[in-house]
Amino acid sequence: LPRGLILVTGPTGSGKTTTLASMINRINKTQKKH
């Protein structure tokens, strides 16, 4: 998506940071952005 708000939610230790990392990793590999 080019714009908008995406939230990853859950209790502490549920893997939120890891899920966000996988999303940033995908964007970094597939799009030319900052």
Full PDB file with SEQRES, HELIX, SHEET, SSBOND, CRYST1, ORIGX, SCALE, CONECT and MASTER records, all heavy atoms in Angstrom:
SEQRES   1 A   34  LEU PRO ARG GLY LEU ILE LEU VAL THR GLY PRO THR GLY          
SEQRES   2 A   34  SER GLY LYS THR THR THR LEU ALA SER MET ILE ASN ARG          
SEQRES   3 A   34  ILE ASN LYS THR GLN LYS LYS HIS                              
HELIX    1 AA1 LYS A   16  THR A   30  1                                  15    
CRYST1    1.000    1.000    1.000  90.00  90.00  90.00 P 1           1          
ORIGX1      1.000000  0.000000  0.000000        0.00000                         
ORIGX2      0.000000  1.000000  0.000000        0.00000                         
ORIGX3      0.000000  0.000000  1.000000        0.00000                         
SCALE1      1.000000  0.000000  0.000000        0.00000                         
SCALE2      0.000000  1.000000  0.000000        0.00000                         
SCALE3      0.000000  0.000000  1.000000        0.00000                         
ATOM      1  N   LEU A   1       0.834  -1.204   0.000  1.00  0.00           N  
ATOM      2  CA  LEU A   1       0.000   0.000   0.000  1.00  0.00           C  
ATOM      3  C   LEU A   1       0.869   1.255   0.000  1.00  0.00           C  
ATOM      4  O   LEU A   1       1.902   1.305   0.671  1.00  0.00           O  
ATOM      5  CB  LEU A   1      -0.917   0.010   1.227  1.00  0.00           C  
ATOM      6  CG  LEU A   1      -1.997  -1.070   1.279  1.00  0.00           C  
ATOM      7  CD1 LEU A   1      -2.703  -1.046   2.632  1.00  0.00           C  
ATOM      8  CD2 LEU A   1      -3.009  -0.865   0.152  1.00  0.00           C  
ATOM      9  N   PRO A   2       0.465   2.293  -0.727  1.00  0.00           N  
ATOM     10  CA  PRO A   2       1.281   3.511  -0.787  1.00  0.00           C  
ATOM     11  C   PRO A   2       1.135   4.399   0.444  1.00  0.00           C  
ATOM     12  O   PRO A   2       2.019   5.201   0.741  1.00  0.00           O  
ATOM     13  CB  PRO A   2       0.747   4.221  -2.034  1.00  0.00           C  
ATOM     14  CG  PRO A   2      -0.681   3.774  -2.136  1.00  0.00           C  
ATOM     15  CD  PRO A   2      -0.686   2.357  -1.651  1.00  0.00           C  
ATOM     16  N   ARG A   3       0.041   4.276   1.160  1.00  0.00           N  
ATOM     17  CA  ARG A   3      -0.212   5.161   2.308  1.00  0.00           C  
ATOM     18  C   ARG A   3      -1.197   4.498   3.266  1.00  0.00           C  
ATOM     19  O   ARG A   3      -1.837   3.503   2.929  1.00  0.00           O  
ATOM     20  CB  ARG A   3      -0.764   6.501   1.836  1.00  0.00           C  
ATOM     21  CG  ARG A   3      -2.148   6.412   1.198  1.00  0.00           C  
ATOM     22  CD  ARG A   3      -2.581   7.720   0.598  1.00  0.00           C  
ATOM     23  NE  ARG A   3      -1.774   8.048  -0.558  1.00  0.00           N  
ATOM     24  CZ  ARG A   3      -1.977   7.561  -1.779  1.00  0.00           C  
ATOM     25  NH1 ARG A   3      -2.984   6.723  -1.993  1.00  0.00           N  
ATOM     26  NH2 ARG A   3      -1.195   7.888  -2.775  1.00  0.00           N  
ATOM     27  N   GLY A   4      -1.314   5.088   4.449  1.00  0.00           N  
ATOM     28  CA  GLY A   4      -2.275   4.578   5.426  1.00  0.00           C  
ATOM     29  C   GLY A   4      -1.592   4.108   6.695  1.00  0.00           C  
ATOM     30  O   GLY A   4      -0.364   4.193   6.845  1.00  0.00           O  
ATOM     31  N   LEU A   5      -2.391   3.608   7.625  1.00  0.00           N  
ATOM     32  CA  LEU A   5      -1.915   3.149   8.930  1.00  0.00           C  
ATOM     33  C   LEU A   5      -2.160   1.653   9.067  1.00  0.00           C  
ATOM     34  O   LEU A   5      -3.280   1.178   8.868  1.00  0.00           O  
ATOM     35  CB  LEU A   5      -2.652   3.904  10.041  1.00  0.00           C  
ATOM     36  CG  LEU A   5      -2.351   3.503  11.490  1.00  0.00           C  
ATOM     37  CD1 LEU A   5      -0.903   3.815  11.857  1.00  0.00           C  
ATOM     38  CD2 LEU A   5      -3.319   4.215  12.451  1.00  0.00           C  
ATOM     39  N   ILE A   6      -1.116   0.902   9.398  1.00  0.00           N  
ATOM     40  CA  ILE A   6      -1.216  -0.534   9.640  1.00  0.00           C  
ATOM     41  C   ILE A   6      -0.706  -0.801  11.047  1.00  0.00           C  
ATOM     42  O   ILE A   6       0.408  -0.398  11.401  1.00  0.00           O  
ATOM     43  CB  ILE A   6      -0.391  -1.346   8.623  1.00  0.00           C  
ATOM     44  CG1 ILE A   6      -0.879  -1.072   7.196  1.00  0.00           C  
ATOM     45  CG2 ILE A   6      -0.472  -2.841   8.930  1.00  0.00           C  
ATOM     46  CD1 ILE A   6       0.017  -1.654   6.127  1.00  0.00           C  
ATOM     47  N   LEU A   7      -1.516  -1.476  11.851  1.00  0.00           N  
ATOM     48  CA  LEU A   7      -1.166  -1.737  13.242  1.00  0.00           C  
ATOM     49  C   LEU A   7      -0.973  -3.230  13.482  1.00  0.00           C  
ATOM     50  O   LEU A   7      -1.782  -4.047  13.030  1.00  0.00           O  
ATOM     51  CB  LEU A   7      -2.255  -1.203  14.166  1.00  0.00           C  
ATOM     52  CG  LEU A   7      -2.471   0.318  14.130  1.00  0.00           C  
ATOM     53  CD1 LEU A   7      -3.683   0.697  14.967  1.00  0.00           C  
ATOM     54  CD2 LEU A   7      -1.228   1.046  14.614  1.00  0.00           C  
ATOM     55  N   VAL A   8       0.095  -3.570  14.186  1.00  0.00           N  
ATOM     56  CA  VAL A   8       0.344  -4.938  14.623  1.00  0.00           C  
ATOM     57  C   VAL A   8       0.118  -4.955  16.128  1.00  0.00           C  
ATOM     58  O   VAL A   8       0.750  -4.192  16.866  1.00  0.00           O  
ATOM     59  CB  VAL A   8       1.772  -5.399  14.285  1.00  0.00           C  
ATOM     60  CG1 VAL A   8       1.999  -6.834  14.758  1.00  0.00           C  
ATOM     61  CG2 VAL A   8       2.022  -5.295  12.779  1.00  0.00           C  
ATOM     62  N   THR A   9      -0.794  -5.792  16.591  1.00  0.00           N  
ATOM     63  CA  THR A   9      -1.177  -5.750  18.001  1.00  0.00           C  
ATOM     64  C   THR A   9      -1.068  -7.120  18.653  1.00  0.00           C  
ATOM     65  O   THR A   9      -0.991  -8.149  17.979  1.00  0.00           O  
ATOM     66  CB  THR A   9      -2.621  -5.230  18.171  1.00  0.00           C  
ATOM     67  OG1 THR A   9      -3.550  -6.279  17.843  1.00  0.00           O  
ATOM     68  CG2 THR A   9      -2.903  -4.037  17.277  1.00  0.00           C  
ATOM     69  N   GLY A  10      -1.082  -7.096  19.984  1.00  0.00           N  
ATOM     70  CA  GLY A  10      -1.008  -8.337  20.741  1.00  0.00           C  
ATOM     71  C   GLY A  10      -0.340  -8.090  22.076  1.00  0.00           C  
ATOM     72  O   GLY A  10       0.233  -7.023  22.312  1.00  0.00           O  
ATOM     73  N   PRO A  11      -0.383  -9.078  22.964  1.00  0.00           N  
ATOM     74  CA  PRO A  11       0.265  -8.925  24.266  1.00  0.00           C  
ATOM     75  C   PRO A  11       1.782  -8.921  24.142  1.00  0.00           C  
ATOM     76  O   PRO A  11       2.341  -9.252  23.087  1.00  0.00           O  
ATOM     77  CB  PRO A  11      -0.225 -10.154  25.047  1.00  0.00           C  
ATOM     78  CG  PRO A  11      -0.560 -11.163  23.992  1.00  0.00           C  
ATOM     79  CD  PRO A  11      -1.063 -10.376  22.827  1.00  0.00           C  
ATOM     80  N   THR A  12       2.458  -8.545  25.212  1.00  0.00           N  
ATOM     81  CA  THR A  12       3.921  -8.574  25.250  1.00  0.00           C  
ATOM     82  C   THR A  12       4.421  -9.981  24.941  1.00  0.00           C  
ATOM     83  O   THR A  12       3.904 -10.967  25.462  1.00  0.00           O  
ATOM     84  CB  THR A  12       4.424  -8.138  26.635  1.00  0.00           C  
ATOM     85  OG1 THR A  12       3.966  -6.813  26.895  1.00  0.00           O  
ATOM     86  CG2 THR A  12       5.935  -8.167  26.708  1.00  0.00           C  
ATOM     87  N   GLY A  13       5.428 -10.065  24.062  1.00  0.00           N  
ATOM     88  CA  GLY A  13       6.006 -11.364  23.734  1.00  0.00           C  
ATOM     89  C   GLY A  13       5.255 -12.161  22.699  1.00  0.00           C  
ATOM     90  O   GLY A  13       5.531 -13.344  22.499  1.00  0.00           O  
ATOM     91  N   SER A  14       4.308 -11.520  21.995  1.00  0.00           N  
ATOM     92  CA  SER A  14       3.515 -12.246  20.996  1.00  0.00           C  
ATOM     93  C   SER A  14       4.129 -12.188  19.598  1.00  0.00           C  
ATOM     94  O   SER A  14       3.576 -12.771  18.668  1.00  0.00           O  
ATOM     95  CB  SER A  14       2.090 -11.690  20.953  1.00  0.00           C  
ATOM     96  OG  SER A  14       2.092 -10.312  20.617  1.00  0.00           O  
ATOM     97  N   GLY A  15       5.258 -11.482  19.448  1.00  0.00           N  
ATOM     98  CA  GLY A  15       5.932 -11.450  18.149  1.00  0.00           C  
ATOM     99  C   GLY A  15       5.620 -10.242  17.294  1.00  0.00           C  
ATOM    100  O   GLY A  15       5.852 -10.262  16.080  1.00  0.00           O  
ATOM    101  N   LYS A  16       5.121  -9.169  17.899  1.00  0.00           N  
ATOM    102  CA  LYS A  16       4.754  -7.971  17.125  1.00  0.00           C  
ATOM    103  C   LYS A  16       5.961  -7.385  16.399  1.00  0.00           C  
ATOM    104  O   LYS A  16       5.891  -7.064  15.205  1.00  0.00           O  
ATOM    105  CB  LYS A  16       4.155  -6.905  18.050  1.00  0.00           C  
ATOM    106  CG  LYS A  16       2.870  -7.302  18.740  1.00  0.00           C  
ATOM    107  CD  LYS A  16       2.262  -6.171  19.540  1.00  0.00           C  
ATOM    108  CE  LYS A  16       3.122  -5.730  20.696  1.00  0.00           C  
ATOM    109  NZ  LYS A  16       3.290  -6.774  21.729  1.00  0.00           N  
ATOM    110  N   THR A  17       7.079  -7.245  17.117  1.00  0.00           N  
ATOM    111  CA  THR A  17       8.287  -6.659  16.525  1.00  0.00           C  
ATOM    112  C   THR A  17       8.795  -7.514  15.370  1.00  0.00           C  
ATOM    113  O   THR A  17       9.235  -6.992  14.339  1.00  0.00           O  
ATOM    114  CB  THR A  17       9.380  -6.508  17.596  1.00  0.00           C  
ATOM    115  OG1 THR A  17       8.899  -5.659  18.646  1.00  0.00           O  
ATOM    116  CG2 THR A  17      10.636  -5.885  17.008  1.00  0.00           C  
ATOM    117  N   THR A  18       8.720  -8.827  15.521  1.00  0.00           N  
ATOM    118  CA  THR A  18       9.193  -9.734  14.474  1.00  0.00           C  
ATOM    119  C   THR A  18       8.317  -9.625  13.227  1.00  0.00           C  
ATOM    120  O   THR A  18       8.822  -9.632  12.091  1.00  0.00           O  
ATOM    121  CB  THR A  18       9.210 -11.176  14.997  1.00  0.00           C  
ATOM    122  OG1 THR A  18      10.002 -11.235  16.187  1.00  0.00           O  
ATOM    123  CG2 THR A  18       9.806 -12.123  13.965  1.00  0.00           C  
ATOM    124  N   THR A  19       7.012  -9.519  13.425  1.00  0.00           N  
ATOM    125  CA  THR A  19       6.105  -9.345  12.287  1.00  0.00           C  
ATOM    126  C   THR A  19       6.389  -8.027  11.563  1.00  0.00           C  
ATOM    127  O   THR A  19       6.455  -7.989  10.327  1.00  0.00           O  
ATOM    128  CB  THR A  19       4.641  -9.390  12.763  1.00  0.00           C  
ATOM    129  OG1 THR A  19       4.365 -10.698  13.259  1.00  0.00           O  
ATOM    130  CG2 THR A  19       3.681  -9.072  11.623  1.00  0.00           C  
ATOM    131  N   LEU A  20       6.566  -6.949  12.324  1.00  0.00           N  
ATOM    132  CA  LEU A  20       6.917  -5.664  11.705  1.00  0.00           C  
ATOM    133  C   LEU A  20       8.215  -5.773  10.919  1.00  0.00           C  
ATOM    134  O   LEU A  20       8.340  -5.220   9.821  1.00  0.00           O  
ATOM    135  CB  LEU A  20       7.055  -4.579  12.778  1.00  0.00           C  
ATOM    136  CG  LEU A  20       5.777  -3.935  13.302  1.00  0.00           C  
ATOM    137  CD1 LEU A  20       6.116  -2.934  14.394  1.00  0.00           C  
ATOM    138  CD2 LEU A  20       5.002  -3.241  12.188  1.00  0.00           C  
ATOM    139  N   ALA A  21       9.194  -6.495  11.483  1.00  0.00           N  
ATOM    140  CA  ALA A  21      10.483  -6.658  10.800  1.00  0.00           C  
ATOM    141  C   ALA A  21      10.314  -7.369   9.462  1.00  0.00           C  
ATOM    142  O   ALA A  21      10.954  -7.016   8.461  1.00  0.00           O  
ATOM    143  CB  ALA A  21      11.454  -7.427  11.693  1.00  0.00           C  
ATOM    144  N   SER A  22       9.441  -8.378   9.429  1.00  0.00           N  
ATOM    145  CA  SER A  22       9.213  -9.094   8.166  1.00  0.00           C  
ATOM    146  C   SER A  22       8.568  -8.178   7.125  1.00  0.00           C  
ATOM    147  O   SER A  22       8.853  -8.297   5.920  1.00  0.00           O  
ATOM    148  CB  SER A  22       8.333 -10.329   8.403  1.00  0.00           C  
ATOM    149  OG  SER A  22       6.980  -9.972   8.674  1.00  0.00           O  
ATOM    150  N   MET A  23       7.736  -7.248   7.570  1.00  0.00           N  
ATOM    151  CA  MET A  23       7.076  -6.319   6.656  1.00  0.00           C  
ATOM    152  C   MET A  23       8.066  -5.291   6.116  1.00  0.00           C  
ATOM    153  O   MET A  23       8.098  -5.006   4.904  1.00  0.00           O  
ATOM    154  CB  MET A  23       5.909  -5.634   7.354  1.00  0.00           C  
ATOM    155  CG  MET A  23       4.810  -6.602   7.784  1.00  0.00           C  
ATOM    156  SD  MET A  23       3.533  -5.862   8.820  1.00  0.00           S  
ATOM    157  CE  MET A  23       2.651  -4.870   7.595  1.00  0.00           C  
ATOM    158  N   ILE A  24       8.909  -4.738   6.994  1.00  0.00           N  
ATOM    159  CA  ILE A  24       9.941  -3.799   6.547  1.00  0.00           C  
ATOM    160  C   ILE A  24      10.922  -4.504   5.607  1.00  0.00           C  
ATOM    161  O   ILE A  24      11.366  -3.950   4.592  1.00  0.00           O  
ATOM    162  CB  ILE A  24      10.682  -3.198   7.753  1.00  0.00           C  
ATOM    163  CG1 ILE A  24       9.746  -2.306   8.575  1.00  0.00           C  
ATOM    164  CG2 ILE A  24      11.899  -2.392   7.298  1.00  0.00           C  
ATOM    165  CD1 ILE A  24       9.247  -1.072   7.861  1.00  0.00           C  
ATOM    166  N   ASN A  25      11.250  -5.741   5.929  1.00  0.00           N  
ATOM    167  CA  ASN A  25      12.159  -6.529   5.093  1.00  0.00           C  
ATOM    168  C   ASN A  25      11.590  -6.693   3.684  1.00  0.00           C  
ATOM    169  O   ASN A  25      12.314  -6.550   2.686  1.00  0.00           O  
ATOM    170  CB  ASN A  25      12.376  -7.897   5.740  1.00  0.00           C  
ATOM    171  CG  ASN A  25      13.479  -8.696   5.092  1.00  0.00           C  
ATOM    172  OD1 ASN A  25      14.374  -8.162   4.444  1.00  0.00           O  
ATOM    173  ND2 ASN A  25      13.429 -10.011   5.258  1.00  0.00           N  
ATOM    174  N   ARG A  26      10.293  -6.973   3.590  1.00  0.00           N  
ATOM    175  CA  ARG A  26       9.666  -7.121   2.272  1.00  0.00           C  
ATOM    176  C   ARG A  26       9.706  -5.809   1.499  1.00  0.00           C  
ATOM    177  O   ARG A  26      10.054  -5.783   0.312  1.00  0.00           O  
ATOM    178  CB  ARG A  26       8.222  -7.597   2.415  1.00  0.00           C  
ATOM    179  CG  ARG A  26       7.490  -7.600   1.065  1.00  0.00           C  
ATOM    180  CD  ARG A  26       6.031  -7.925   1.162  1.00  0.00           C  
ATOM    181  NE  ARG A  26       5.339  -7.558  -0.061  1.00  0.00           N  
ATOM    182  CZ  ARG A  26       5.325  -8.273  -1.187  1.00  0.00           C  
ATOM    183  NH1 ARG A  26       5.988  -9.409  -1.243  1.00  0.00           N  
ATOM    184  NH2 ARG A  26       4.659  -7.860  -2.260  1.00  0.00           N  
ATOM    185  N   ILE A  27       9.336  -4.717   2.152  1.00  0.00           N  
ATOM    186  CA  ILE A  27       9.332  -3.417   1.476  1.00  0.00           C  
ATOM    187  C   ILE A  27      10.735  -3.068   0.986  1.00  0.00           C  
ATOM    188  O   ILE A  27      10.924  -2.601  -0.144  1.00  0.00           O  
ATOM    189  CB  ILE A  27       8.790  -2.323   2.422  1.00  0.00           C  
ATOM    190  CG1 ILE A  27       7.320  -2.586   2.752  1.00  0.00           C  
ATOM    191  CG2 ILE A  27       8.938  -0.932   1.786  1.00  0.00           C  
ATOM    192  CD1 ILE A  27       6.765  -1.705   3.856  1.00  0.00           C  
ATOM    193  N   ASN A  28      11.729  -3.337   1.823  1.00  0.00           N  
ATOM    194  CA  ASN A  28      13.124  -3.035   1.488  1.00  0.00           C  
ATOM    195  C   ASN A  28      13.606  -3.820   0.272  1.00  0.00           C  
ATOM    196  O   ASN A  28      14.434  -3.351  -0.501  1.00  0.00           O  
ATOM    197  CB  ASN A  28      14.009  -3.342   2.696  1.00  0.00           C  
ATOM    198  CG  ASN A  28      15.422  -2.802   2.564  1.00  0.00           C  
ATOM    199  OD1 ASN A  28      15.681  -1.887   1.785  1.00  0.00           O  
ATOM    200  ND2 ASN A  28      16.328  -3.367   3.336  1.00  0.00           N  
ATOM    201  N   LYS A  29      13.060  -5.027   0.098  1.00  0.00           N  
ATOM    202  CA  LYS A  29      13.490  -5.886  -1.007  1.00  0.00           C  
ATOM    203  C   LYS A  29      12.701  -5.668  -2.292  1.00  0.00           C  
ATOM    204  O   LYS A  29      13.155  -6.080  -3.376  1.00  0.00           O  
ATOM    205  CB  LYS A  29      13.371  -7.363  -0.600  1.00  0.00           C  
ATOM    206  CG  LYS A  29      14.371  -7.812   0.450  1.00  0.00           C  
ATOM    207  CD  LYS A  29      14.154  -9.278   0.812  1.00  0.00           C  
ATOM    208  CE  LYS A  29      15.144  -9.762   1.853  1.00  0.00           C  
ATOM    209  NZ  LYS A  29      16.530  -9.762   1.354  1.00  0.00           N  
ATOM    210  N   THR A  30      11.526  -5.036  -2.201  1.00  0.00           N  
ATOM    211  CA  THR A  30      10.646  -4.990  -3.370  1.00  0.00           C  
ATOM    212  C   THR A  30      10.291  -3.588  -3.862  1.00  0.00           C  
ATOM    213  O   THR A  30       9.729  -3.450  -4.945  1.00  0.00           O  
ATOM    214  CB  THR A  30       9.319  -5.725  -3.057  1.00  0.00           C  
ATOM    215  OG1 THR A  30       8.668  -5.085  -1.946  1.00  0.00           O  
ATOM    216  CG2 THR A  30       9.569  -7.193  -2.730  1.00  0.00           C  
ATOM    217  N   GLN A  31      10.612  -2.551  -3.078  1.00  0.00           N  
ATOM    218  CA  GLN A  31      10.210  -1.201  -3.461  1.00  0.00           C  
ATOM    219  C   GLN A  31      11.375  -0.226  -3.320  1.00  0.00           C  
ATOM    220  O   GLN A  31      12.282  -0.446  -2.531  1.00  0.00           O  
ATOM    221  CB  GLN A  31       9.037  -0.733  -2.585  1.00  0.00           C  
ATOM    222  CG  GLN A  31       7.826  -1.655  -2.645  1.00  0.00           C  
ATOM    223  CD  GLN A  31       6.708  -1.217  -1.712  1.00  0.00           C  
ATOM    224  OE1 GLN A  31       6.368  -0.043  -1.646  1.00  0.00           O  
ATOM    225  NE2 GLN A  31       6.138  -2.167  -0.978  1.00  0.00           N  
ATOM    226  N   LYS A  32      11.327   0.844  -4.089  1.00  0.00           N  
ATOM    227  CA  LYS A  32      12.368   1.874  -4.033  1.00  0.00           C  
ATOM    228  C   LYS A  32      11.822   3.061  -3.236  1.00  0.00           C  
ATOM    229  O   LYS A  32      11.225   3.978  -3.802  1.00  0.00           O  
ATOM    230  CB  LYS A  32      12.771   2.292  -5.447  1.00  0.00           C  
ATOM    231  CG  LYS A  32      13.398   1.156  -6.250  1.00  0.00           C  
ATOM    232  CD  LYS A  32      13.745   1.589  -7.669  1.00  0.00           C  
ATOM    233  CE  LYS A  32      14.357   0.435  -8.462  1.00  0.00           C  
ATOM    234  NZ  LYS A  32      14.680   0.840  -9.862  1.00  0.00           N  
ATOM    235  N   LYS A  33      12.046   3.013  -1.927  1.00  0.00           N  
ATOM    236  CA  LYS A  33      11.463   4.016  -1.049  1.00  0.00           C  
ATOM    237  C   LYS A  33      12.426   4.413   0.070  1.00  0.00           C  
ATOM    238  O   LYS A  33      13.506   3.823   0.212  1.00  0.00           O  
ATOM    239  CB  LYS A  33      10.155   3.484  -0.451  1.00  0.00           C  
ATOM    240  CG  LYS A  33       9.059   3.294  -1.489  1.00  0.00           C  
ATOM    241  CD  LYS A  33       7.721   2.951  -0.868  1.00  0.00           C  
ATOM    242  CE  LYS A  33       6.624   2.914  -1.931  1.00  0.00           C  
ATOM    243  NZ  LYS A  33       5.295   2.633  -1.367  1.00  0.00           N  
ATOM    244  N   HIS A  34      12.014   5.414   0.838  1.00  0.00           N  
ATOM    245  CA  HIS A  34      12.778   5.835   2.016  1.00  0.00           C  
ATOM    246  C   HIS A  34      12.005   5.390   3.260  1.00  0.00           C  
ATOM    247  O   HIS A  34      10.864   5.811   3.470  1.00  0.00           O  
ATOM    248  CB  HIS A  34      12.961   7.359   2.024  1.00  0.00           C  
ATOM    249  CG  HIS A  34      13.697   7.857   3.238  1.00  0.00           C  
ATOM    250  ND1 HIS A  34      13.594   9.157   3.693  1.00  0.00           N  
ATOM    251  CD2 HIS A  34      14.555   7.229   4.092  1.00  0.00           C  
ATOM    252  CE1 HIS A  34      14.348   9.307   4.768  1.00  0.00           C  
ATOM    253  NE2 HIS A  34      14.944   8.154   5.027  1.00  0.00           N  
TER     254      HIS A  34                                                      
MASTER        0    0    0    1    0    0    0    6  253    1    0    3          
END                                                                             
